[in-house]
């Protein structure tokens, strides 16, 4: 894989141009779905935010959805303990709710009525956020960890990769127990192969990427 040094802002502009290209007119007539995948230490929200700004400057309606807003209740996440790797991989994120509230409404013929978040992990209660009416031609950007193992229908997917050493250094001490989960995700899902675009971000000040497909 060839790597090109790039800034986050320039990357976002290139991604926005790709989504806005004339040959993708059929996708633009409905809704486009973008996934930005990466461990919490990869700070996927940074690229998601930059991309949202770049698309809005092109006149595209955008909704950014954090996977962290679709966590399952604590009683389900912690059923087998607070640091269970298997549960983190398969039981922390409410993927069924993401399908129902984010991807279903933006399928062809959908309503565009998207729920931006569902559950607040701090209060362990429903957020009660209102639905957002995303007009046709809009873009949903979903960002967060473990997104590429669920067959989500992304029109464009980006994986922000950290080497094992960088991931360990940049993961908070209280979350170090998740490192084996990301090692398994790497081995079982191979997100770098599954994604359309791969970003190497061991040093977040100097990212490099694989370029567009």
N, C-alpha and C. Protein backbone atom coordinates (compact mmCIF):
# COMPACT_ATOMS: atom_id res chain seq x y z
N UNK A 1 0.84 -1.20 0.00
CA UNK A 1 0.00 0.00 0.00
C UNK A 1 0.88 1.25 0.00
N UNK A 2 0.57 2.18 -0.90
CA UNK A 2 1.31 3.43 -0.99
C UNK A 2 0.68 4.46 -0.06
N UNK A 3 1.51 5.20 0.66
CA UNK A 3 1.02 6.19 1.60
C UNK A 3 1.37 7.60 1.12
N UNK A 4 0.41 8.50 1.26
CA UNK A 4 0.60 9.90 0.90
C UNK A 4 0.39 10.76 2.14
N UNK A 5 1.37 11.59 2.46
CA UNK A 5 1.21 12.51 3.58
C UNK A 5 0.15 13.55 3.23
N UNK A 6 -0.68 13.89 4.21
CA UNK A 6 -1.80 14.78 3.95
C UNK A 6 -2.27 15.37 5.27
N UNK A 7 -2.95 16.50 5.23
CA UNK A 7 -3.55 17.06 6.44
C UNK A 7 -4.99 16.54 6.55
N UNK A 8 -5.54 16.61 7.75
CA UNK A 8 -6.93 16.18 7.95
C UNK A 8 -7.88 17.03 7.11
N UNK A 9 -7.63 18.33 7.05
CA UNK A 9 -8.52 19.20 6.29
C UNK A 9 -8.46 18.88 4.80
N UNK A 10 -7.27 18.69 4.28
CA UNK A 10 -7.12 18.36 2.86
C UNK A 10 -7.76 17.01 2.57
N UNK A 11 -7.59 16.06 3.47
CA UNK A 11 -8.22 14.76 3.30
C UNK A 11 -9.73 14.89 3.22
N UNK A 12 -10.29 15.70 4.11
CA UNK A 12 -11.73 15.90 4.12
C UNK A 12 -12.20 16.52 2.80
N UNK A 13 -11.45 17.47 2.28
CA UNK A 13 -11.80 18.09 1.00
C UNK A 13 -11.78 17.07 -0.14
N UNK A 14 -10.78 16.21 -0.13
CA UNK A 14 -10.69 15.19 -1.17
C UNK A 14 -11.84 14.19 -1.06
N UNK A 15 -12.18 13.79 0.16
CA UNK A 15 -13.30 12.87 0.36
C UNK A 15 -14.62 13.52 -0.07
N UNK A 16 -14.80 14.79 0.29
CA UNK A 16 -16.02 15.50 -0.10
C UNK A 16 -16.14 15.59 -1.61
N UNK A 17 -15.03 15.87 -2.28
CA UNK A 17 -15.05 15.93 -3.73
C UNK A 17 -15.41 14.59 -4.35
N UNK A 18 -14.93 13.52 -3.75
CA UNK A 18 -15.24 12.18 -4.24
C UNK A 18 -16.74 11.90 -4.11
N UNK A 19 -17.32 12.26 -2.96
CA UNK A 19 -18.75 12.03 -2.76
C UNK A 19 -19.61 12.91 -3.66
N UNK A 20 -19.08 14.07 -4.03
CA UNK A 20 -19.82 15.06 -4.82
C UNK A 20 -19.56 14.94 -6.31
N UNK A 21 -18.79 13.93 -6.72
CA UNK A 21 -18.42 13.80 -8.12
C UNK A 21 -19.63 13.52 -9.01
N UNK A 22 -19.65 14.02 -10.23
CA UNK A 22 -20.80 13.81 -11.12
C UNK A 22 -21.14 12.35 -11.35
N UNK A 23 -20.14 11.47 -11.37
CA UNK A 23 -20.42 10.06 -11.63
C UNK A 23 -21.15 9.38 -10.47
N UNK A 24 -21.27 10.06 -9.34
CA UNK A 24 -22.01 9.51 -8.21
C UNK A 24 -23.38 10.18 -8.09
N UNK A 25 -23.89 10.68 -9.19
CA UNK A 25 -25.15 11.42 -9.18
C UNK A 25 -26.32 10.57 -8.68
N UNK A 26 -26.32 9.28 -9.00
CA UNK A 26 -27.42 8.42 -8.54
C UNK A 26 -27.45 8.34 -7.02
N UNK A 27 -26.28 8.24 -6.39
CA UNK A 27 -26.21 8.20 -4.93
C UNK A 27 -26.67 9.54 -4.34
N UNK A 28 -26.26 10.63 -4.99
CA UNK A 28 -26.58 11.95 -4.48
C UNK A 28 -28.08 12.25 -4.56
N UNK A 29 -28.80 11.55 -5.44
CA UNK A 29 -30.23 11.77 -5.56
C UNK A 29 -30.98 11.26 -4.34
N UNK A 30 -30.36 10.35 -3.62
CA UNK A 30 -30.95 9.86 -2.37
C UNK A 30 -30.14 10.37 -1.20
N UNK A 31 -29.54 9.43 -0.47
CA UNK A 31 -28.67 9.79 0.66
C UNK A 31 -27.39 8.99 0.53
N UNK A 32 -26.30 9.57 0.96
CA UNK A 32 -25.03 8.86 1.01
C UNK A 32 -24.67 8.59 2.46
N UNK A 33 -24.08 7.42 2.70
CA UNK A 33 -23.67 7.02 4.04
C UNK A 33 -22.16 6.82 4.06
N UNK A 34 -21.49 7.49 4.98
CA UNK A 34 -20.03 7.40 5.12
C UNK A 34 -19.71 6.84 6.49
N UNK A 35 -18.78 5.91 6.56
CA UNK A 35 -18.31 5.38 7.83
C UNK A 35 -16.87 5.78 8.09
N UNK A 36 -16.60 6.29 9.27
CA UNK A 36 -15.22 6.60 9.70
C UNK A 36 -14.94 5.70 10.89
N UNK A 37 -14.19 4.65 10.65
CA UNK A 37 -13.96 3.60 11.63
C UNK A 37 -12.60 3.77 12.31
N UNK A 38 -12.58 3.51 13.60
CA UNK A 38 -11.31 3.55 14.32
C UNK A 38 -11.54 3.44 15.81
N UNK A 39 -10.52 3.01 16.51
CA UNK A 39 -10.59 2.92 17.97
C UNK A 39 -10.81 4.30 18.57
N UNK A 40 -11.33 4.39 19.80
CA UNK A 40 -11.50 5.71 20.42
C UNK A 40 -10.24 6.56 20.39
N UNK A 41 -9.09 5.93 20.54
CA UNK A 41 -7.82 6.68 20.53
C UNK A 41 -7.54 7.30 19.17
N UNK A 42 -8.19 6.82 18.12
CA UNK A 42 -7.99 7.36 16.78
C UNK A 42 -8.77 8.64 16.56
N UNK A 43 -9.66 8.98 17.49
CA UNK A 43 -10.43 10.23 17.43
C UNK A 43 -11.11 10.40 16.07
N UNK A 44 -11.97 9.44 15.74
CA UNK A 44 -12.67 9.46 14.46
C UNK A 44 -13.55 10.69 14.29
N UNK A 45 -13.98 11.28 15.40
CA UNK A 45 -14.83 12.46 15.31
C UNK A 45 -14.15 13.65 14.66
N UNK A 46 -12.81 13.69 14.71
CA UNK A 46 -12.08 14.81 14.10
C UNK A 46 -12.27 14.79 12.60
N UNK A 47 -12.01 13.65 11.95
CA UNK A 47 -12.18 13.56 10.51
C UNK A 47 -13.65 13.69 10.13
N UNK A 48 -14.54 13.08 10.93
CA UNK A 48 -15.97 13.20 10.64
C UNK A 48 -16.40 14.66 10.63
N UNK A 49 -15.92 15.44 11.59
CA UNK A 49 -16.26 16.85 11.65
C UNK A 49 -15.69 17.64 10.49
N UNK A 50 -14.44 17.36 10.12
CA UNK A 50 -13.82 18.05 8.99
C UNK A 50 -14.57 17.72 7.70
N UNK A 51 -14.95 16.47 7.53
CA UNK A 51 -15.67 16.07 6.33
C UNK A 51 -17.04 16.73 6.28
N UNK A 52 -17.71 16.80 7.42
CA UNK A 52 -19.02 17.46 7.47
C UNK A 52 -18.90 18.91 7.04
N UNK A 53 -17.86 19.61 7.52
CA UNK A 53 -17.66 21.01 7.15
C UNK A 53 -17.40 21.14 5.64
N UNK A 54 -16.58 20.23 5.11
CA UNK A 54 -16.26 20.29 3.67
C UNK A 54 -17.50 20.05 2.82
N UNK A 55 -18.35 19.13 3.24
CA UNK A 55 -19.57 18.85 2.47
C UNK A 55 -20.56 20.01 2.58
N UNK A 56 -20.68 20.58 3.76
CA UNK A 56 -21.61 21.72 3.92
C UNK A 56 -21.17 22.90 3.06
N UNK A 57 -19.86 23.08 2.92
CA UNK A 57 -19.38 24.19 2.08
C UNK A 57 -19.74 23.96 0.62
N UNK A 58 -20.06 22.72 0.27
CA UNK A 58 -20.51 22.39 -1.08
C UNK A 58 -22.03 22.40 -1.19
N UNK A 59 -22.69 22.78 -0.12
CA UNK A 59 -24.14 22.87 -0.14
C UNK A 59 -24.86 21.56 0.17
N UNK A 60 -24.13 20.59 0.73
CA UNK A 60 -24.75 19.30 1.03
C UNK A 60 -25.22 19.27 2.49
N UNK A 61 -26.47 18.88 2.76
CA UNK A 61 -26.91 18.69 4.15
C UNK A 61 -26.17 17.49 4.74
N UNK A 62 -25.75 17.60 5.99
CA UNK A 62 -24.94 16.56 6.62
C UNK A 62 -25.44 16.31 8.05
N UNK A 63 -25.44 15.05 8.44
CA UNK A 63 -25.68 14.68 9.84
C UNK A 63 -24.55 13.77 10.29
N UNK A 64 -23.88 14.14 11.38
CA UNK A 64 -22.82 13.31 11.95
C UNK A 64 -23.40 12.49 13.09
N UNK A 65 -23.22 11.19 13.03
CA UNK A 65 -23.75 10.27 14.04
C UNK A 65 -22.59 9.53 14.68
N UNK A 66 -22.43 9.66 15.99
CA UNK A 66 -21.39 8.94 16.72
C UNK A 66 -21.92 7.58 17.16
N UNK A 67 -21.16 6.54 16.88
CA UNK A 67 -21.57 5.20 17.32
C UNK A 67 -21.75 5.15 18.82
N UNK A 68 -21.00 6.00 19.55
CA UNK A 68 -21.13 6.06 21.01
C UNK A 68 -22.49 6.49 21.48
N UNK A 69 -23.29 7.08 20.61
CA UNK A 69 -24.66 7.43 20.96
C UNK A 69 -25.62 6.28 20.81
N UNK A 70 -25.10 5.14 20.37
CA UNK A 70 -25.93 3.94 20.21
C UNK A 70 -25.38 2.78 21.03
N UNK A 71 -24.86 3.10 22.20
CA UNK A 71 -24.47 2.05 23.14
C UNK A 71 -25.72 1.38 23.70
N UNK A 72 -25.59 0.15 24.10
CA UNK A 72 -26.69 -0.55 24.76
C UNK A 72 -26.68 -0.19 26.25
N UNK A 73 -27.78 -0.41 26.95
CA UNK A 73 -27.82 -0.09 28.38
C UNK A 73 -26.73 -0.82 29.16
N UNK A 74 -26.32 -0.24 30.28
CA UNK A 74 -25.25 -0.81 31.09
C UNK A 74 -25.57 -2.22 31.55
N UNK A 75 -26.83 -2.50 31.82
CA UNK A 75 -27.21 -3.84 32.29
C UNK A 75 -26.87 -4.90 31.25
N UNK A 76 -26.86 -4.53 29.97
CA UNK A 76 -26.50 -5.46 28.90
C UNK A 76 -25.01 -5.41 28.60
N UNK A 77 -24.43 -4.22 28.60
CA UNK A 77 -23.00 -4.11 28.31
C UNK A 77 -22.17 -4.81 29.37
N UNK A 78 -22.58 -4.69 30.63
CA UNK A 78 -21.77 -5.20 31.73
C UNK A 78 -22.31 -6.51 32.30
N UNK A 79 -23.13 -7.20 31.52
CA UNK A 79 -23.72 -8.45 32.01
C UNK A 79 -22.66 -9.45 32.46
N UNK A 80 -21.54 -9.48 31.78
CA UNK A 80 -20.46 -10.43 32.11
C UNK A 80 -19.25 -9.72 32.70
N UNK A 81 -19.46 -8.55 33.25
CA UNK A 81 -18.39 -7.77 33.86
C UNK A 81 -18.09 -6.53 33.04
N UNK A 82 -17.44 -5.57 33.67
CA UNK A 82 -17.17 -4.29 33.02
C UNK A 82 -16.00 -4.34 32.06
N UNK A 83 -15.24 -5.42 32.06
CA UNK A 83 -14.08 -5.49 31.19
C UNK A 83 -14.06 -6.80 30.41
N UNK A 84 -15.23 -7.20 29.92
CA UNK A 84 -15.33 -8.44 29.16
C UNK A 84 -15.09 -8.12 27.68
N UNK A 85 -14.04 -8.69 27.12
CA UNK A 85 -13.65 -8.38 25.74
C UNK A 85 -14.69 -8.88 24.75
N UNK A 86 -15.23 -10.08 24.96
CA UNK A 86 -16.24 -10.61 24.05
C UNK A 86 -17.47 -9.70 24.02
N UNK A 87 -17.88 -9.23 25.18
CA UNK A 87 -19.05 -8.35 25.25
C UNK A 87 -18.76 -7.04 24.54
N UNK A 88 -17.56 -6.51 24.70
CA UNK A 88 -17.21 -5.26 24.03
C UNK A 88 -17.29 -5.41 22.51
N UNK A 89 -16.82 -6.52 22.01
CA UNK A 89 -16.81 -6.74 20.56
C UNK A 89 -18.20 -6.92 19.99
N UNK A 90 -19.07 -7.60 20.71
CA UNK A 90 -20.36 -7.98 20.11
C UNK A 90 -21.58 -7.48 20.83
N UNK A 91 -21.42 -6.88 22.03
CA UNK A 91 -22.61 -6.53 22.78
C UNK A 91 -22.70 -5.12 23.29
N UNK A 92 -21.69 -4.29 23.04
CA UNK A 92 -21.73 -2.92 23.57
C UNK A 92 -22.54 -1.99 22.68
N UNK A 93 -22.43 -2.14 21.37
CA UNK A 93 -23.06 -1.20 20.45
C UNK A 93 -24.36 -1.80 19.90
N UNK A 94 -25.39 -0.99 19.90
CA UNK A 94 -26.71 -1.44 19.46
C UNK A 94 -26.78 -1.35 17.94
N UNK A 95 -26.22 -2.34 17.28
CA UNK A 95 -26.17 -2.32 15.82
C UNK A 95 -27.57 -2.42 15.21
N UNK A 96 -28.47 -3.12 15.87
CA UNK A 96 -29.84 -3.21 15.36
C UNK A 96 -30.48 -1.83 15.33
N UNK A 97 -30.23 -1.02 16.35
CA UNK A 97 -30.77 0.33 16.39
C UNK A 97 -30.15 1.20 15.30
N UNK A 98 -28.86 1.03 15.04
CA UNK A 98 -28.24 1.78 13.95
C UNK A 98 -28.87 1.43 12.60
N UNK A 99 -29.12 0.15 12.38
CA UNK A 99 -29.80 -0.26 11.15
C UNK A 99 -31.18 0.39 11.08
N UNK A 100 -31.90 0.35 12.18
CA UNK A 100 -33.30 0.80 12.20
C UNK A 100 -33.42 2.32 12.10
N UNK A 101 -32.56 3.03 12.84
CA UNK A 101 -32.74 4.47 13.00
C UNK A 101 -31.86 5.32 12.09
N UNK A 102 -30.80 4.72 11.51
CA UNK A 102 -29.88 5.50 10.69
C UNK A 102 -29.84 4.98 9.25
N UNK A 103 -29.60 3.68 9.09
CA UNK A 103 -29.44 3.16 7.74
C UNK A 103 -30.78 2.91 7.04
N UNK A 104 -31.75 2.37 7.74
CA UNK A 104 -33.06 2.14 7.13
C UNK A 104 -33.68 3.39 6.55
N UNK A 105 -33.74 4.48 7.31
CA UNK A 105 -34.35 5.70 6.79
C UNK A 105 -33.60 6.32 5.61
N UNK A 106 -32.33 5.95 5.41
CA UNK A 106 -31.56 6.52 4.31
C UNK A 106 -31.33 5.51 3.19
N UNK A 107 -32.04 4.39 3.24
CA UNK A 107 -32.06 3.46 2.11
C UNK A 107 -32.86 4.08 0.97
N UNK A 108 -32.69 3.60 -0.26
CA UNK A 108 -33.52 4.10 -1.35
C UNK A 108 -35.01 3.97 -1.00
N UNK A 109 -35.75 5.04 -1.20
CA UNK A 109 -37.16 5.04 -0.84
C UNK A 109 -37.42 5.30 0.62
N UNK A 110 -36.36 5.59 1.40
CA UNK A 110 -36.53 5.85 2.83
C UNK A 110 -37.11 7.23 3.09
N UNK A 111 -37.29 7.50 4.37
CA UNK A 111 -37.92 8.75 4.78
C UNK A 111 -36.92 9.88 5.03
N UNK A 112 -35.65 9.54 5.28
CA UNK A 112 -34.66 10.53 5.66
C UNK A 112 -34.80 11.00 7.10
N UNK A 113 -35.66 10.34 7.86
CA UNK A 113 -35.92 10.73 9.26
C UNK A 113 -34.99 9.92 10.15
N UNK A 114 -33.88 10.53 10.55
CA UNK A 114 -32.79 9.83 11.22
C UNK A 114 -32.72 10.24 12.69
N UNK A 115 -32.48 9.24 13.55
CA UNK A 115 -32.27 9.52 14.97
C UNK A 115 -30.77 9.69 15.20
N UNK A 116 -30.33 10.86 15.68
CA UNK A 116 -28.89 11.10 15.80
C UNK A 116 -28.22 10.34 16.94
N UNK A 117 -28.95 10.01 17.99
CA UNK A 117 -28.41 9.21 19.09
C UNK A 117 -29.58 8.61 19.85
N UNK A 118 -29.26 7.58 20.65
CA UNK A 118 -30.32 6.83 21.32
C UNK A 118 -30.11 6.71 22.82
N UNK A 119 -28.84 6.53 23.24
CA UNK A 119 -28.58 6.20 24.64
C UNK A 119 -27.42 7.01 25.17
N UNK A 120 -27.59 7.58 26.36
CA UNK A 120 -26.53 8.34 27.03
C UNK A 120 -25.83 7.42 28.02
N UNK A 121 -24.56 7.06 27.78
CA UNK A 121 -23.87 6.14 28.69
C UNK A 121 -23.58 6.74 30.05
N UNK A 122 -23.57 8.06 30.17
CA UNK A 122 -23.29 8.70 31.45
C UNK A 122 -24.48 8.56 32.39
N UNK A 123 -25.67 8.89 31.89
CA UNK A 123 -26.88 8.77 32.71
C UNK A 123 -27.50 7.39 32.62
N UNK A 124 -27.07 6.60 31.62
CA UNK A 124 -27.64 5.28 31.33
C UNK A 124 -29.15 5.39 31.12
N UNK A 125 -29.52 6.38 30.34
CA UNK A 125 -30.91 6.60 29.98
C UNK A 125 -31.01 6.97 28.50
N UNK A 126 -32.20 6.83 27.96
CA UNK A 126 -32.44 7.25 26.58
C UNK A 126 -32.19 8.75 26.46
N UNK A 127 -31.60 9.16 25.36
CA UNK A 127 -31.30 10.58 25.17
C UNK A 127 -32.55 11.40 24.86
N UNK A 128 -33.54 10.76 24.27
CA UNK A 128 -34.77 11.44 23.85
C UNK A 128 -34.49 12.56 22.85
N UNK A 129 -33.43 12.41 22.09
CA UNK A 129 -33.14 13.39 21.04
C UNK A 129 -34.21 13.35 19.96
N UNK A 130 -34.56 14.49 19.39
CA UNK A 130 -35.55 14.48 18.31
C UNK A 130 -34.97 13.91 17.03
N UNK A 131 -35.83 13.39 16.19
CA UNK A 131 -35.41 12.92 14.87
C UNK A 131 -34.98 14.12 14.03
N UNK A 132 -34.06 13.87 13.12
CA UNK A 132 -33.60 14.89 12.18
C UNK A 132 -34.12 14.51 10.79
N UNK A 133 -34.77 15.45 10.14
CA UNK A 133 -35.27 15.23 8.78
C UNK A 133 -34.16 15.61 7.80
N UNK A 134 -33.43 14.62 7.32
CA UNK A 134 -32.32 14.86 6.40
C UNK A 134 -32.86 14.84 4.98
N UNK A 135 -32.78 15.96 4.26
CA UNK A 135 -33.37 15.99 2.91
C UNK A 135 -32.61 15.10 1.94
N UNK A 136 -33.28 14.75 0.87
CA UNK A 136 -32.64 13.98 -0.19
C UNK A 136 -31.41 14.73 -0.68
N UNK A 137 -30.34 14.00 -0.92
CA UNK A 137 -29.07 14.60 -1.26
C UNK A 137 -28.18 14.80 -0.06
N UNK A 138 -28.68 14.46 1.12
CA UNK A 138 -27.91 14.61 2.34
C UNK A 138 -26.92 13.47 2.55
N UNK A 139 -26.03 13.68 3.50
CA UNK A 139 -24.99 12.70 3.81
C UNK A 139 -25.01 12.41 5.31
N UNK A 140 -25.01 11.14 5.67
CA UNK A 140 -24.86 10.72 7.05
C UNK A 140 -23.44 10.21 7.24
N UNK A 141 -22.75 10.76 8.23
CA UNK A 141 -21.39 10.30 8.56
C UNK A 141 -21.45 9.61 9.91
N UNK A 142 -21.23 8.31 9.92
CA UNK A 142 -21.22 7.53 11.16
C UNK A 142 -19.76 7.28 11.53
N UNK A 143 -19.40 7.59 12.77
CA UNK A 143 -18.01 7.40 13.17
C UNK A 143 -17.93 6.68 14.52
N UNK A 144 -16.85 5.94 14.68
CA UNK A 144 -16.64 5.23 15.94
C UNK A 144 -15.95 3.90 15.71
N UNK A 145 -15.84 3.08 16.76
CA UNK A 145 -15.09 1.82 16.66
C UNK A 145 -15.92 0.67 16.13
N UNK A 146 -15.23 -0.31 15.56
CA UNK A 146 -15.82 -1.62 15.23
C UNK A 146 -16.96 -1.52 14.22
N UNK A 147 -16.87 -0.58 13.29
CA UNK A 147 -17.98 -0.36 12.36
C UNK A 147 -17.96 -1.28 11.14
N UNK A 148 -16.82 -1.86 10.82
CA UNK A 148 -16.69 -2.55 9.54
C UNK A 148 -16.96 -4.04 9.60
N UNK A 149 -17.47 -4.53 10.70
CA UNK A 149 -17.78 -5.95 10.78
C UNK A 149 -19.26 -6.27 10.74
N UNK A 150 -20.09 -5.30 10.34
CA UNK A 150 -21.54 -5.50 10.45
C UNK A 150 -22.28 -5.33 9.12
N UNK A 151 -21.57 -5.26 8.01
CA UNK A 151 -22.19 -5.11 6.69
C UNK A 151 -23.03 -3.84 6.58
N UNK A 152 -22.67 -2.80 7.31
CA UNK A 152 -23.36 -1.53 7.16
C UNK A 152 -23.18 -1.03 5.72
N UNK A 153 -24.22 -0.49 5.11
CA UNK A 153 -24.17 -0.13 3.68
C UNK A 153 -23.53 1.23 3.42
N UNK A 154 -22.26 1.34 3.73
CA UNK A 154 -21.56 2.60 3.51
C UNK A 154 -21.28 2.81 2.02
N UNK A 155 -21.50 4.02 1.55
CA UNK A 155 -21.09 4.37 0.19
C UNK A 155 -19.60 4.66 0.14
N UNK A 156 -19.04 5.03 1.28
CA UNK A 156 -17.61 5.27 1.40
C UNK A 156 -17.20 4.97 2.83
N UNK A 157 -16.18 4.16 3.00
CA UNK A 157 -15.72 3.82 4.35
C UNK A 157 -14.25 4.16 4.51
N UNK A 158 -13.93 4.70 5.69
CA UNK A 158 -12.56 5.10 6.02
C UNK A 158 -12.18 4.40 7.31
N UNK A 159 -11.01 3.81 7.32
CA UNK A 159 -10.48 3.21 8.56
C UNK A 159 -9.25 3.98 8.99
N UNK A 160 -9.30 4.52 10.21
CA UNK A 160 -8.13 5.21 10.78
C UNK A 160 -7.35 4.19 11.60
N UNK A 161 -6.18 3.86 11.11
CA UNK A 161 -5.40 2.79 11.71
C UNK A 161 -4.31 3.33 12.62
N UNK A 162 -4.19 2.70 13.78
CA UNK A 162 -3.06 2.94 14.67
C UNK A 162 -2.29 1.64 14.81
N UNK A 163 -0.98 1.70 14.79
CA UNK A 163 -0.18 0.51 15.06
C UNK A 163 -0.46 0.05 16.48
N UNK A 164 -0.21 -1.22 16.80
CA UNK A 164 -0.45 -1.69 18.17
C UNK A 164 0.25 -0.83 19.22
N UNK A 165 1.47 -0.39 18.93
CA UNK A 165 2.19 0.44 19.90
C UNK A 165 1.54 1.79 20.09
N UNK A 166 1.15 2.43 18.97
CA UNK A 166 0.50 3.73 19.06
C UNK A 166 -0.85 3.62 19.74
N UNK A 167 -1.58 2.55 19.43
CA UNK A 167 -2.89 2.35 20.06
C UNK A 167 -2.73 2.22 21.57
N UNK A 168 -1.73 1.45 22.00
CA UNK A 168 -1.50 1.28 23.44
C UNK A 168 -1.11 2.60 24.10
N UNK A 169 -0.25 3.37 23.44
CA UNK A 169 0.19 4.64 24.01
C UNK A 169 -0.95 5.65 24.13
N UNK A 170 -1.84 5.66 23.15
CA UNK A 170 -2.86 6.69 23.09
C UNK A 170 -4.18 6.28 23.74
N UNK A 171 -4.27 5.04 24.20
CA UNK A 171 -5.48 4.59 24.90
C UNK A 171 -5.37 4.92 26.38
N UNK A 172 -6.41 5.52 26.91
CA UNK A 172 -6.41 5.87 28.34
C UNK A 172 -6.24 4.62 29.20
N UNK A 173 -5.60 4.79 30.34
CA UNK A 173 -5.31 3.66 31.23
C UNK A 173 -6.58 2.88 31.55
N UNK A 174 -7.67 3.58 31.79
CA UNK A 174 -8.92 2.91 32.18
C UNK A 174 -9.52 2.08 31.06
N UNK A 175 -9.05 2.31 29.83
CA UNK A 175 -9.60 1.59 28.67
C UNK A 175 -8.61 0.59 28.08
N UNK A 176 -7.47 0.38 28.75
CA UNK A 176 -6.45 -0.52 28.20
C UNK A 176 -6.97 -1.95 28.04
N UNK A 177 -7.98 -2.29 28.82
CA UNK A 177 -8.51 -3.65 28.73
C UNK A 177 -9.15 -3.92 27.36
N UNK A 178 -9.46 -2.86 26.58
CA UNK A 178 -10.06 -3.05 25.26
C UNK A 178 -9.03 -3.39 24.19
N UNK A 179 -7.74 -3.27 24.50
CA UNK A 179 -6.71 -3.51 23.48
C UNK A 179 -6.81 -4.91 22.87
N UNK A 180 -7.05 -5.98 23.64
CA UNK A 180 -7.22 -7.28 23.00
C UNK A 180 -8.42 -7.33 22.05
N UNK A 181 -9.45 -6.55 22.35
CA UNK A 181 -10.61 -6.52 21.46
C UNK A 181 -10.22 -5.95 20.10
N UNK A 182 -9.42 -4.89 20.10
CA UNK A 182 -9.02 -4.30 18.82
C UNK A 182 -8.01 -5.19 18.08
N UNK A 183 -7.21 -5.95 18.82
CA UNK A 183 -6.33 -6.92 18.17
C UNK A 183 -7.15 -7.99 17.47
N UNK A 184 -8.22 -8.44 18.09
CA UNK A 184 -9.10 -9.44 17.48
C UNK A 184 -9.85 -8.85 16.29
N UNK A 185 -10.29 -7.61 16.43
CA UNK A 185 -10.97 -6.94 15.33
C UNK A 185 -10.05 -6.85 14.11
N UNK A 186 -8.80 -6.52 14.37
CA UNK A 186 -7.80 -6.44 13.30
C UNK A 186 -7.62 -7.79 12.63
N UNK A 187 -7.54 -8.85 13.42
CA UNK A 187 -7.29 -10.18 12.88
C UNK A 187 -8.52 -10.76 12.18
N UNK A 188 -9.70 -10.56 12.77
CA UNK A 188 -10.91 -11.21 12.25
C UNK A 188 -11.57 -10.42 11.13
N UNK A 189 -11.60 -9.08 11.26
CA UNK A 189 -12.31 -8.26 10.29
C UNK A 189 -11.39 -7.68 9.23
N UNK A 190 -10.12 -7.47 9.58
CA UNK A 190 -9.14 -6.86 8.69
C UNK A 190 -9.69 -5.54 8.13
N UNK A 191 -9.93 -4.57 9.00
CA UNK A 191 -10.58 -3.33 8.55
C UNK A 191 -9.81 -2.58 7.48
N UNK A 192 -8.49 -2.72 7.46
CA UNK A 192 -7.71 -2.03 6.43
C UNK A 192 -8.04 -2.55 5.04
N UNK A 193 -8.40 -3.82 4.93
CA UNK A 193 -8.81 -4.38 3.64
C UNK A 193 -10.28 -4.11 3.35
N UNK A 194 -11.09 -4.05 4.41
CA UNK A 194 -12.52 -3.84 4.22
C UNK A 194 -12.85 -2.40 3.85
N UNK A 195 -12.04 -1.44 4.29
CA UNK A 195 -12.32 -0.02 4.07
C UNK A 195 -11.93 0.41 2.66
N UNK A 196 -12.62 1.44 2.16
CA UNK A 196 -12.25 2.03 0.87
C UNK A 196 -10.99 2.87 1.00
N UNK A 197 -10.84 3.51 2.15
CA UNK A 197 -9.71 4.41 2.39
C UNK A 197 -9.10 4.07 3.74
N UNK A 198 -7.79 4.02 3.81
CA UNK A 198 -7.09 3.75 5.06
C UNK A 198 -6.22 4.95 5.41
N UNK A 199 -6.29 5.36 6.66
CA UNK A 199 -5.48 6.47 7.15
C UNK A 199 -4.54 5.94 8.22
N UNK A 200 -3.29 6.26 8.11
CA UNK A 200 -2.30 5.89 9.13
C UNK A 200 -2.10 7.10 10.02
N UNK A 201 -2.39 6.95 11.31
CA UNK A 201 -2.41 8.12 12.20
C UNK A 201 -1.68 7.86 13.51
N UNK A 202 -0.54 7.18 13.46
CA UNK A 202 0.23 6.97 14.68
C UNK A 202 0.60 8.31 15.31
N UNK A 203 0.94 9.28 14.48
CA UNK A 203 1.14 10.66 14.93
C UNK A 203 -0.01 11.47 14.34
N UNK A 204 -0.99 11.86 15.15
CA UNK A 204 -2.16 12.54 14.60
C UNK A 204 -1.86 13.88 13.96
N UNK A 205 -0.66 14.42 14.25
CA UNK A 205 -0.27 15.70 13.63
C UNK A 205 0.20 15.50 12.20
N UNK A 206 0.53 14.26 11.84
CA UNK A 206 1.09 13.98 10.51
C UNK A 206 0.45 12.71 9.93
N UNK A 207 -0.84 12.76 9.61
CA UNK A 207 -1.47 11.57 9.05
C UNK A 207 -1.00 11.31 7.61
N UNK A 208 -1.17 10.07 7.20
CA UNK A 208 -0.93 9.69 5.81
C UNK A 208 -2.09 8.78 5.41
N UNK A 209 -2.40 8.77 4.12
CA UNK A 209 -3.53 7.94 3.70
C UNK A 209 -3.22 7.18 2.43
N UNK A 210 -4.11 6.23 2.14
CA UNK A 210 -3.92 5.37 0.98
C UNK A 210 -4.45 6.00 -0.29
N UNK A 211 -5.17 7.12 -0.17
CA UNK A 211 -5.79 7.74 -1.33
C UNK A 211 -7.17 7.18 -1.57
N UNK A 212 -7.85 7.72 -2.57
CA UNK A 212 -9.23 7.33 -2.87
C UNK A 212 -9.27 6.11 -3.78
N UNK A 213 -10.36 5.34 -3.70
CA UNK A 213 -10.47 4.14 -4.56
C UNK A 213 -10.62 4.52 -6.03
